[in-house]
Amino acid sequence: MKTCKSVLVAGALLVSGTAVSAGFPATFEALDTNGDGYISNEEANARKDLTKSWQAIDKNTDNKLDITEFDAFEGKGRYTTPEESEEPEPGAAPY
């Protein structure tokens, strides 16, 4: 029964958005606990990567993150455009 209780507690924490586990980054909405549309320094403490890079992420230096700043940070380095030299597969849609 010990395993079942652990799984239930972990699942409840993930659903509620109160805990962030490695491999499960929180969404903007989960981090914005007061619902004001911004992530404050205090709210960002739930994720070490946000607090570590805070000055670089907060582009307009208003000491809070809006959805645009958060999305830019989350997407950084995750998408690279195809090389110009790549040949599309026959019948594939252009990119």
PDB file of N, CA and C in Angstrom:
ATOM      1  N   MET A   1       0.806  -1.192   0.000  1.00  0.00           N
ATOM      2  CA  MET A   1       0.000   0.000   0.000  1.00  0.00           C
ATOM      3  C   MET A   1       0.851   1.258   0.000  1.00  0.00           C
ATOM      4  N   LYS A   2       2.065   1.162   0.494  1.00  0.00           N
ATOM      5  CA  LYS A   2       2.941   2.317   0.572  1.00  0.00           C
ATOM      6  C   LYS A   2       3.163   2.930  -0.811  1.00  0.00           C
ATOM      7  N   THR A   3       3.353   2.091  -1.825  1.00  0.00           N
ATOM      8  CA  THR A   3       3.580   2.578  -3.183  1.00  0.00           C
ATOM      9  C   THR A   3       2.354   3.313  -3.707  1.00  0.00           C
ATOM     10  N   CYS A   4       1.173   2.797  -3.464  1.00  0.00           N
ATOM     11  CA  CYS A   4      -0.054   3.450  -3.932  1.00  0.00           C
ATOM     12  C   CYS A   4      -0.196   4.840  -3.337  1.00  0.00           C
ATOM     13  N   LYS A   5       0.065   4.985  -2.056  1.00  0.00           N
ATOM     14  CA  LYS A   5      -0.047   6.295  -1.414  1.00  0.00           C
ATOM     15  C   LYS A   5       0.953   7.275  -2.007  1.00  0.00           C
ATOM     16  N   SER A   6       2.177   6.814  -2.277  1.00  0.00           N
ATOM     17  CA  SER A   6       3.198   7.685  -2.865  1.00  0.00           C
ATOM     18  C   SER A   6       2.784   8.161  -4.241  1.00  0.00           C
ATOM     19  N   VAL A   7       2.236   7.261  -5.020  1.00  0.00           N
ATOM     20  CA  VAL A   7       1.798   7.615  -6.372  1.00  0.00           C
ATOM     21  C   VAL A   7       0.644   8.607  -6.305  1.00  0.00           C
ATOM     22  N   LEU A   8      -0.295   8.391  -5.413  1.00  0.00           N
ATOM     23  CA  LEU A   8      -1.423   9.310  -5.281  1.00  0.00           C
ATOM     24  C   LEU A   8      -0.974  10.697  -4.854  1.00  0.00           C
ATOM     25  N   VAL A   9      -0.067  10.775  -3.915  1.00  0.00           N
ATOM     26  CA  VAL A   9       0.431  12.070  -3.452  1.00  0.00           C
ATOM     27  C   VAL A   9       1.174  12.769  -4.574  1.00  0.00           C
ATOM     28  N   ALA A  10       2.057  12.063  -5.267  1.00  0.00           N
ATOM     29  CA  ALA A  10       2.802  12.661  -6.376  1.00  0.00           C
ATOM     30  C   ALA A  10       1.855  13.134  -7.468  1.00  0.00           C
ATOM     31  N   GLY A  11       0.856  12.336  -7.792  1.00  0.00           N
ATOM     32  CA  GLY A  11      -0.111  12.720  -8.807  1.00  0.00           C
ATOM     33  C   GLY A  11      -0.905  13.944  -8.407  1.00  0.00           C
ATOM     34  N   ALA A  12      -1.293  14.010  -7.155  1.00  0.00           N
ATOM     35  CA  ALA A  12      -2.046  15.169  -6.664  1.00  0.00           C
ATOM     36  C   ALA A  12      -1.209  16.425  -6.731  1.00  0.00           C
ATOM     37  N   LEU A  13       0.064  16.323  -6.399  1.00  0.00           N
ATOM     38  CA  LEU A  13       0.932  17.490  -6.460  1.00  0.00           C
ATOM     39  C   LEU A  13       1.108  17.969  -7.881  1.00  0.00           C
ATOM     40  N   LEU A  14       1.253  17.061  -8.814  1.00  0.00           N
ATOM     41  CA  LEU A  14       1.422  17.466 -10.205  1.00  0.00           C
ATOM     42  C   LEU A  14       0.151  18.096 -10.750  1.00  0.00           C
ATOM     43  N   VAL A  15      -0.994  17.538 -10.425  1.00  0.00           N
ATOM     44  CA  VAL A  15      -2.256  18.077 -10.914  1.00  0.00           C
ATOM     45  C   VAL A  15      -2.517  19.458 -10.323  1.00  0.00           C
ATOM     46  N   SER A  16      -2.192  19.652  -9.071  1.00  0.00           N
ATOM     47  CA  SER A  16      -2.472  20.935  -8.433  1.00  0.00           C
ATOM     48  C   SER A  16      -1.517  22.024  -8.877  1.00  0.00           C
ATOM     49  N   GLY A  17      -0.374  21.642  -9.443  1.00  0.00           N
ATOM     50  CA  GLY A  17       0.593  22.626  -9.887  1.00  0.00           C
ATOM     51  C   GLY A  17       1.423  23.199  -8.755  1.00  0.00           C
ATOM     52  N   THR A  18       1.381  22.570  -7.591  1.00  0.00           N
ATOM     53  CA  THR A  18       2.118  23.103  -6.464  1.00  0.00           C
ATOM     54  C   THR A  18       3.542  22.592  -6.396  1.00  0.00           C
ATOM     55  N   ALA A  19       3.845  21.569  -7.135  1.00  0.00           N
ATOM     56  CA  ALA A  19       5.206  21.041  -7.101  1.00  0.00           C
ATOM     57  C   ALA A  19       5.703  20.862  -8.520  1.00  0.00           C
ATOM     58  N   VAL A  20       6.977  21.085  -8.690  1.00  0.00           N
ATOM     59  CA  VAL A  20       7.590  20.911 -10.001  1.00  0.00           C
ATOM     60  C   VAL A  20       8.673  19.874  -9.837  1.00  0.00           C
ATOM     61  N   SER A  21       8.581  18.850 -10.626  1.00  0.00           N
ATOM     62  CA  SER A  21       9.559  17.783 -10.567  1.00  0.00           C
ATOM     63  C   SER A  21      10.435  17.838 -11.803  1.00  0.00           C
ATOM     64  N   ALA A  22      11.661  17.384 -11.682  1.00  0.00           N
ATOM     65  CA  ALA A  22      12.555  17.340 -12.841  1.00  0.00           C
ATOM     66  C   ALA A  22      11.886  16.523 -13.930  1.00  0.00           C
ATOM     67  N   GLY A  23      11.895  17.038 -15.135  1.00  0.00           N
ATOM     68  CA  GLY A  23      11.239  16.350 -16.236  1.00  0.00           C
ATOM     69  C   GLY A  23       9.788  16.758 -16.417  1.00  0.00           C
ATOM     70  N   PHE A  24       9.226  17.480 -15.463  1.00  0.00           N
ATOM     71  CA  PHE A  24       7.852  17.941 -15.561  1.00  0.00           C
ATOM     72  C   PHE A  24       7.804  19.443 -15.336  1.00  0.00           C
ATOM     73  N   PRO A  25       8.266  20.243 -16.307  1.00  0.00           N
ATOM     74  CA  PRO A  25       8.255  21.699 -16.109  1.00  0.00           C
ATOM     75  C   PRO A  25       6.832  22.221 -15.981  1.00  0.00           C
ATOM     76  N   ALA A  26       6.659  23.168 -15.085  1.00  0.00           N
ATOM     77  CA  ALA A  26       5.342  23.749 -14.844  1.00  0.00           C
ATOM     78  C   ALA A  26       4.950  24.686 -15.977  1.00  0.00           C
ATOM     79  N   THR A  27       3.682  24.805 -16.201  1.00  0.00           N
ATOM     80  CA  THR A  27       3.171  25.742 -17.199  1.00  0.00           C
ATOM     81  C   THR A  27       3.142  27.143 -16.602  1.00  0.00           C
ATOM     82  N   PHE A  28       2.963  28.128 -17.457  1.00  0.00           N
ATOM     83  CA  PHE A  28       2.849  29.509 -17.010  1.00  0.00           C
ATOM     84  C   PHE A  28       1.712  29.639 -16.001  1.00  0.00           C
ATOM     85  N   GLU A  29       0.584  29.031 -16.327  1.00  0.00           N
ATOM     86  CA  GLU A  29      -0.592  29.128 -15.470  1.00  0.00           C
ATOM     87  C   GLU A  29      -0.338  28.499 -14.104  1.00  0.00           C
ATOM     88  N   ALA A  30       0.397  27.393 -14.066  1.00  0.00           N
ATOM     89  CA  ALA A  30       0.690  26.738 -12.790  1.00  0.00           C
ATOM     90  C   ALA A  30       1.637  27.581 -11.946  1.00  0.00           C
ATOM     91  N   LEU A  31       2.574  28.272 -12.592  1.00  0.00           N
ATOM     92  CA  LEU A  31       3.518  29.110 -11.858  1.00  0.00           C
ATOM     93  C   LEU A  31       2.874  30.417 -11.386  1.00  0.00           C
ATOM     94  N   ASP A  32       1.927  30.928 -12.141  1.00  0.00           N
ATOM     95  CA  ASP A  32       1.235  32.176 -11.782  1.00  0.00           C
ATOM     96  C   ASP A  32       0.162  31.864 -10.738  1.00  0.00           C
ATOM     97  N   THR A  33       0.606  31.614  -9.516  1.00  0.00           N
ATOM     98  CA  THR A  33      -0.304  31.138  -8.480  1.00  0.00           C
ATOM     99  C   THR A  33      -1.357  32.156  -8.051  1.00  0.00           C
ATOM    100  N   ASN A  34      -1.080  33.451  -8.184  1.00  0.00           N
ATOM    101  CA  ASN A  34      -2.080  34.442  -7.793  1.00  0.00           C
ATOM    102  C   ASN A  34      -2.979  34.859  -8.962  1.00  0.00           C
ATOM    103  N   GLY A  35      -2.696  34.339 -10.161  1.00  0.00           N
ATOM    104  CA  GLY A  35      -3.564  34.579 -11.308  1.00  0.00           C
ATOM    105  C   GLY A  35      -3.554  35.982 -11.859  1.00  0.00           C
ATOM    106  N   ASP A  36      -2.476  36.741 -11.625  1.00  0.00           N
ATOM    107  CA  ASP A  36      -2.437  38.123 -12.108  1.00  0.00           C
ATOM    108  C   ASP A  36      -1.894  38.254 -13.533  1.00  0.00           C
ATOM    109  N   GLY A  37      -1.533  37.135 -14.155  1.00  0.00           N
ATOM    110  CA  GLY A  37      -1.033  37.186 -15.521  1.00  0.00           C
ATOM    111  C   GLY A  37       0.472  37.366 -15.616  1.00  0.00           C
ATOM    112  N   TYR A  38       1.156  37.320 -14.499  1.00  0.00           N
ATOM    113  CA  TYR A  38       2.610  37.458 -14.450  1.00  0.00           C
ATOM    114  C   TYR A  38       3.199  36.438 -13.481  1.00  0.00           C
ATOM    115  N   ILE A  39       4.466  36.117 -13.687  1.00  0.00           N
ATOM    116  CA  ILE A  39       5.198  35.278 -12.741  1.00  0.00           C
ATOM    117  C   ILE A  39       6.150  36.201 -11.988  1.00  0.00           C
ATOM    118  N   SER A  40       5.953  36.292 -10.687  1.00  0.00           N
ATOM    119  CA  SER A  40       6.820  37.133  -9.856  1.00  0.00           C
ATOM    120  C   SER A  40       8.068  36.350  -9.466  1.00  0.00           C
ATOM    121  N   ASN A  41       9.017  37.048  -8.837  1.00  0.00           N
ATOM    122  CA  ASN A  41      10.213  36.368  -8.333  1.00  0.00           C
ATOM    123  C   ASN A  41       9.837  35.252  -7.373  1.00  0.00           C
ATOM    124  N   GLU A  42       8.901  35.523  -6.508  1.00  0.00           N
ATOM    125  CA  GLU A  42       8.481  34.531  -5.528  1.00  0.00           C
ATOM    126  C   GLU A  42       7.863  33.319  -6.208  1.00  0.00           C
ATOM    127  N   GLU A  43       7.010  33.544  -7.192  1.00  0.00           N
ATOM    128  CA  GLU A  43       6.379  32.435  -7.905  1.00  0.00           C
ATOM    129  C   GLU A  43       7.401  31.646  -8.712  1.00  0.00           C
ATOM    130  N   ALA A  44       8.406  32.319  -9.222  1.00  0.00           N
ATOM    131  CA  ALA A  44       9.442  31.657 -10.024  1.00  0.00           C
ATOM    132  C   ALA A  44      10.322  30.743  -9.189  1.00  0.00           C
ATOM    133  N   ASN A  45      10.317  30.914  -7.877  1.00  0.00           N
ATOM    134  CA  ASN A  45      11.135  30.068  -7.006  1.00  0.00           C
ATOM    135  C   ASN A  45      10.781  28.589  -7.115  1.00  0.00           C
ATOM    136  N   ALA A  46       9.634  28.278  -7.691  1.00  0.00           N
ATOM    137  CA  ALA A  46       9.242  26.884  -7.881  1.00  0.00           C
ATOM    138  C   ALA A  46      10.128  26.188  -8.912  1.00  0.00           C
ATOM    139  N   ARG A  47      10.829  26.979  -9.712  1.00  0.00           N
ATOM    140  CA  ARG A  47      11.719  26.403 -10.743  1.00  0.00           C
ATOM    141  C   ARG A  47      13.074  27.064 -10.670  1.00  0.00           C
ATOM    142  N   LYS A  48      14.083  26.259 -10.391  1.00  0.00           N
ATOM    143  CA  LYS A  48      15.448  26.782 -10.267  1.00  0.00           C
ATOM    144  C   LYS A  48      15.957  27.371 -11.570  1.00  0.00           C
ATOM    145  N   ASP A  49      15.543  26.808 -12.715  1.00  0.00           N
ATOM    146  CA  ASP A  49      16.027  27.340 -13.986  1.00  0.00           C
ATOM    147  C   ASP A  49      15.530  28.755 -14.238  1.00  0.00           C
ATOM    148  N   LEU A  50      14.338  29.074 -13.758  1.00  0.00           N
ATOM    149  CA  LEU A  50      13.817  30.438 -13.910  1.00  0.00           C
ATOM    150  C   LEU A  50      14.579  31.417 -13.027  1.00  0.00           C
ATOM    151  N   THR A  51      14.783  31.047 -11.779  1.00  0.00           N
ATOM    152  CA  THR A  51      15.467  31.964 -10.865  1.00  0.00           C
ATOM    153  C   THR A  51      16.931  32.144 -11.264  1.00  0.00           C
ATOM    154  N   LYS A  52      17.541  31.096 -11.758  1.00  0.00           N
ATOM    155  CA  LYS A  52      18.947  31.173 -12.164  1.00  0.00           C
ATOM    156  C   LYS A  52      19.135  32.115 -13.358  1.00  0.00           C
ATOM    157  N   SER A  53      18.177  32.135 -14.270  1.00  0.00           N
ATOM    158  CA  SER A  53      18.287  32.937 -15.492  1.00  0.00           C
ATOM    159  C   SER A  53      17.388  34.164 -15.475  1.00  0.00           C
ATOM    160  N   TRP A  54      16.915  34.559 -14.317  1.00  0.00           N
ATOM    161  CA  TRP A  54      15.903  35.613 -14.201  1.00  0.00           C
ATOM    162  C   TRP A  54      16.250  36.880 -14.979  1.00  0.00           C
ATOM    163  N   GLN A  55      17.461  37.407 -14.808  1.00  0.00           N
ATOM    164  CA  GLN A  55      17.821  38.673 -15.462  1.00  0.00           C
ATOM    165  C   GLN A  55      17.809  38.552 -16.980  1.00  0.00           C
ATOM    166  N   ALA A  56      18.172  37.418 -17.499  1.00  0.00           N
ATOM    167  CA  ALA A  56      18.156  37.223 -18.952  1.00  0.00           C
ATOM    168  C   ALA A  56      16.732  37.033 -19.477  1.00  0.00           C
ATOM    169  N   ILE A  57      15.887  36.433 -18.687  1.00  0.00           N
ATOM    170  CA  ILE A  57      14.508  36.156 -19.116  1.00  0.00           C
ATOM    171  C   ILE A  57      13.649  37.413 -19.056  1.00  0.00           C
ATOM    172  N   ASP A  58      13.811  38.204 -18.017  1.00  0.00           N
ATOM    173  CA  ASP A  58      12.996  39.410 -17.802  1.00  0.00           C
ATOM    174  C   ASP A  58      13.502  40.534 -18.719  1.00  0.00           C
ATOM    175  N   LYS A  59      13.125  40.454 -19.971  1.00  0.00           N
ATOM    176  CA  LYS A  59      13.640  41.370 -21.005  1.00  0.00           C
ATOM    177  C   LYS A  59      13.310  42.833 -20.744  1.00  0.00           C
ATOM    178  N   ASN A  60      12.128  43.130 -20.225  1.00  0.00           N
ATOM    179  CA  ASN A  60      11.749  44.528 -20.015  1.00  0.00           C
ATOM    180  C   ASN A  60      12.072  45.010 -18.594  1.00  0.00           C
ATOM    181  N   THR A  61      12.762  44.199 -17.834  1.00  0.00           N
ATOM    182  CA  THR A  61      13.238  44.521 -16.481  1.00  0.00           C
ATOM    183  C   THR A  61      12.156  45.102 -15.565  1.00  0.00           C
ATOM    184  N   ASP A  62      10.946  44.554 -15.652  1.00  0.00           N
ATOM    185  CA  ASP A  62       9.875  45.005 -14.757  1.00  0.00           C
ATOM    186  C   ASP A  62       9.750  44.107 -13.529  1.00  0.00           C
ATOM    187  N   ASN A  63      10.693  43.193 -13.382  1.00  0.00           N
ATOM    188  CA  ASN A  63      10.772  42.287 -12.236  1.00  0.00           C
ATOM    189  C   ASN A  63       9.611  41.305 -12.158  1.00  0.00           C
ATOM    190  N   LYS A  64       9.040  40.977 -13.315  1.00  0.00           N
ATOM    191  CA  LYS A  64       8.025  39.935 -13.418  1.00  0.00           C
ATOM    192  C   LYS A  64       8.049  39.417 -14.846  1.00  0.00           C
ATOM    193  N   LEU A  65       7.621  38.182 -15.028  1.00  0.00           N
ATOM    194  CA  LEU A  65       7.608  37.586 -16.360  1.00  0.00           C
ATOM    195  C   LEU A  65       6.193  37.561 -16.903  1.00  0.00           C
ATOM    196  N   ASP A  66       6.045  38.023 -18.133  1.00  0.00           N
ATOM    197  CA  ASP A  66       4.752  37.870 -18.794  1.00  0.00           C
ATOM    198  C   ASP A  66       4.814  36.602 -19.649  1.00  0.00           C
ATOM    199  N   ILE A  67       3.713  36.262 -20.264  1.00  0.00           N
ATOM    200  CA  ILE A  67       3.638  35.017 -21.030  1.00  0.00           C
ATOM    201  C   ILE A  67       4.624  35.016 -22.198  1.00  0.00           C
ATOM    202  N   THR A  68       4.860  36.164 -22.812  1.00  0.00           N
ATOM    203  CA  THR A  68       5.794  36.254 -23.941  1.00  0.00           C
ATOM    204  C   THR A  68       7.217  35.956 -23.498  1.00  0.00           C
ATOM    205  N   GLU A  69       7.629  36.534 -22.392  1.00  0.00           N
ATOM    206  CA  GLU A  69       8.979  36.288 -21.872  1.00  0.00           C
ATOM    207  C   GLU A  69       9.136  34.817 -21.457  1.00  0.00           C
ATOM    208  N   PHE A  70       8.112  34.272 -20.824  1.00  0.00           N
ATOM    209  CA  PHE A  70       8.155  32.878 -20.389  1.00  0.00           C
ATOM    210  C   PHE A  70       8.233  31.947 -21.596  1.00  0.00           C
ATOM    211  N   ASP A  71       7.380  32.180 -22.595  1.00  0.00           N
ATOM    212  CA  ASP A  71       7.394  31.338 -23.796  1.00  0.00           C
ATOM    213  C   ASP A  71       8.726  31.419 -24.533  1.00  0.00           C
ATOM    214  N   ALA A  72       9.319  32.596 -24.591  1.00  0.00           N
ATOM    215  CA  ALA A  72      10.621  32.746 -25.251  1.00  0.00           C
ATOM    216  C   ALA A  72      11.677  31.930 -24.515  1.00  0.00           C
ATOM    217  N   PHE A  73      11.628  31.937 -23.191  1.00  0.00           N
ATOM    218  CA  PHE A  73      12.577  31.149 -22.403  1.00  0.00           C
ATOM    219  C   PHE A  73      12.322  29.665 -22.578  1.00  0.00           C
ATOM    220  N   GLU A  74      11.088  29.242 -22.526  1.00  0.00           N
ATOM    221  CA  GLU A  74      10.746  27.827 -22.649  1.00  0.00           C
ATOM    222  C   GLU A  74      11.124  27.276 -24.023  1.00  0.00           C
ATOM    223  N   GLY A  75      10.978  28.076 -25.058  1.00  0.00           N
ATOM    224  CA  GLY A  75      11.260  27.612 -26.409  1.00  0.00           C
ATOM    225  C   GLY A  75      12.703  27.762 -26.837  1.00  0.00           C
ATOM    226  N   LYS A  76      13.506  28.436 -26.034  1.00  0.00           N
ATOM    227  CA  LYS A  76      14.894  28.713 -26.400  1.00  0.00           C
ATOM    228  C   LYS A  76      15.668  27.418 -26.641  1.00  0.00           C
ATOM    229  N   GLY A  77      16.207  27.312 -27.857  1.00  0.00           N
ATOM    230  CA  GLY A  77      17.047  26.173 -28.193  1.00  0.00           C
ATOM    231  C   GLY A  77      16.298  24.895 -28.479  1.00  0.00           C
ATOM    232  N   ARG A  78      14.977  24.948 -28.484  1.00  0.00           N
ATOM    233  CA  ARG A  78      14.220  23.718 -28.712  1.00  0.00           C
ATOM    234  C   ARG A  78      13.790  23.535 -30.160  1.00  0.00           C
ATOM    235  N   TYR A  79      13.833  24.592 -30.918  1.00  0.00           N
ATOM    236  CA  TYR A  79      13.442  24.488 -32.317  1.00  0.00           C
ATOM    237  C   TYR A  79      14.517  25.117 -33.171  1.00  0.00           C
ATOM    238  N   THR A  80      14.961  24.388 -34.132  1.00  0.00           N
ATOM    239  CA  THR A  80      15.922  24.938 -35.077  1.00  0.00           C
ATOM    240  C   THR A  80      15.331  24.813 -36.473  1.00  0.00           C
ATOM    241  N   THR A  81      15.520  25.822 -37.254  1.00  0.00           N
ATOM    242  CA  THR A  81      14.989  25.796 -38.610  1.00  0.00           C
ATOM    243  C   THR A  81      15.795  24.816 -39.454  1.00  0.00           C
ATOM    244  N   PRO A  82      15.161  24.218 -40.451  1.00  0.00           N
ATOM    245  CA  PRO A  82      15.875  23.288 -41.319  1.00  0.00           C
ATOM    246  C   PRO A  82      16.974  24.009 -42.085  1.00  0.00           C
ATOM    247  N   GLU A  83      18.009  23.299 -42.369  1.00  0.00           N
ATOM    248  CA  GLU A  83      19.113  23.860 -43.145  1.00  0.00           C
ATOM    249  C   GLU A  83      18.630  24.143 -44.569  1.00  0.00           C
ATOM    250  N   GLU A  84      19.160  25.179 -45.149  1.00  0.00           N
ATOM    251  CA  GLU A  84      18.784  25.533 -46.515  1.00  0.00           C
ATOM    252  C   GLU A  84      19.113  24.425 -47.502  1.00  0.00           C
ATOM    253  N   SER A  85      20.140  23.647 -47.183  1.00  0.00           N
ATOM    254  CA  SER A  85      20.575  22.603 -48.105  1.00  0.00           C
ATOM    255  C   SER A  85      19.732  21.334 -48.027  1.00  0.00           C
ATOM    256  N   GLU A  86      18.845  21.247 -47.066  1.00  0.00           N
ATOM    257  CA  GLU A  86      18.018  20.049 -46.937  1.00  0.00           C
ATOM    258  C   GLU A  86      17.029  19.977 -48.073  1.00  0.00           C
ATOM    259  N   GLU A  87      16.922  18.796 -48.624  1.00  0.00           N
ATOM    260  CA  GLU A  87      15.962  18.556 -49.704  1.00  0.00           C
ATOM    261  C   GLU A  87      14.695  17.996 -49.093  1.00  0.00           C
ATOM    262  N   PRO A  88      13.536  18.578 -49.388  1.00  0.00           N
ATOM    263  CA  PRO A  88      12.302  18.037 -48.822  1.00  0.00           C
ATOM    264  C   PRO A  88      11.995  16.658 -49.427  1.00  0.00           C
ATOM    265  N   GLU A  89      11.318  15.864 -48.663  1.00  0.00           N
ATOM    266  CA  GLU A  89      10.900  14.552 -49.121  1.00  0.00           C
ATOM    267  C   GLU A  89       9.881  14.757 -50.233  1.00  0.00           C
ATOM    268  N   PRO A  90       9.940  13.944 -51.286  1.00  0.00           N
ATOM    269  CA  PRO A  90       8.969  14.105 -52.380  1.00  0.00           C
ATOM    270  C   PRO A  90       7.543  14.044 -51.855  1.00  0.00           C
ATOM    271  N   GLY A  91       6.749  15.011 -52.198  1.00  0.00           N
ATOM    272  CA  GLY A  91       5.369  15.064 -51.774  1.00  0.00           C
ATOM    273  C   GLY A  91       5.157  15.745 -50.425  1.00  0.00           C
ATOM    274  N   ALA A  92       6.238  16.128 -49.783  1.00  0.00           N
ATOM    275  CA  ALA A  92       6.119  16.779 -48.469  1.00  0.00           C
ATOM    276  C   ALA A  92       5.756  18.241 -48.632  1.00  0.00           C
ATOM    277  N   ALA A  93       5.055  18.766 -47.665  1.00  0.00           N
ATOM    278  CA  ALA A  93       4.696  20.188 -47.679  1.00  0.00           C
ATOM    279  C   ALA A  93       5.939  21.029 -47.473  1.00  0.00           C
ATOM    280  N   PRO A  94       6.020  22.178 -48.118  1.00  0.00           N
ATOM    281  CA  PRO A  94       7.187  23.049 -47.917  1.00  0.00           C
ATOM    282  C   PRO A  94       7.199  23.602 -46.496  1.00  0.00           C
ATOM    283  N   TYR A  95       8.375  23.932 -46.011  1.00  0.00           N
ATOM    284  CA  TYR A  95       8.473  24.481 -44.660  1.00  0.00           C
ATOM    285  C   TYR A  95       8.823  25.924 -44.690  1.00  0.00           C
TER     286      TYR A  95
END
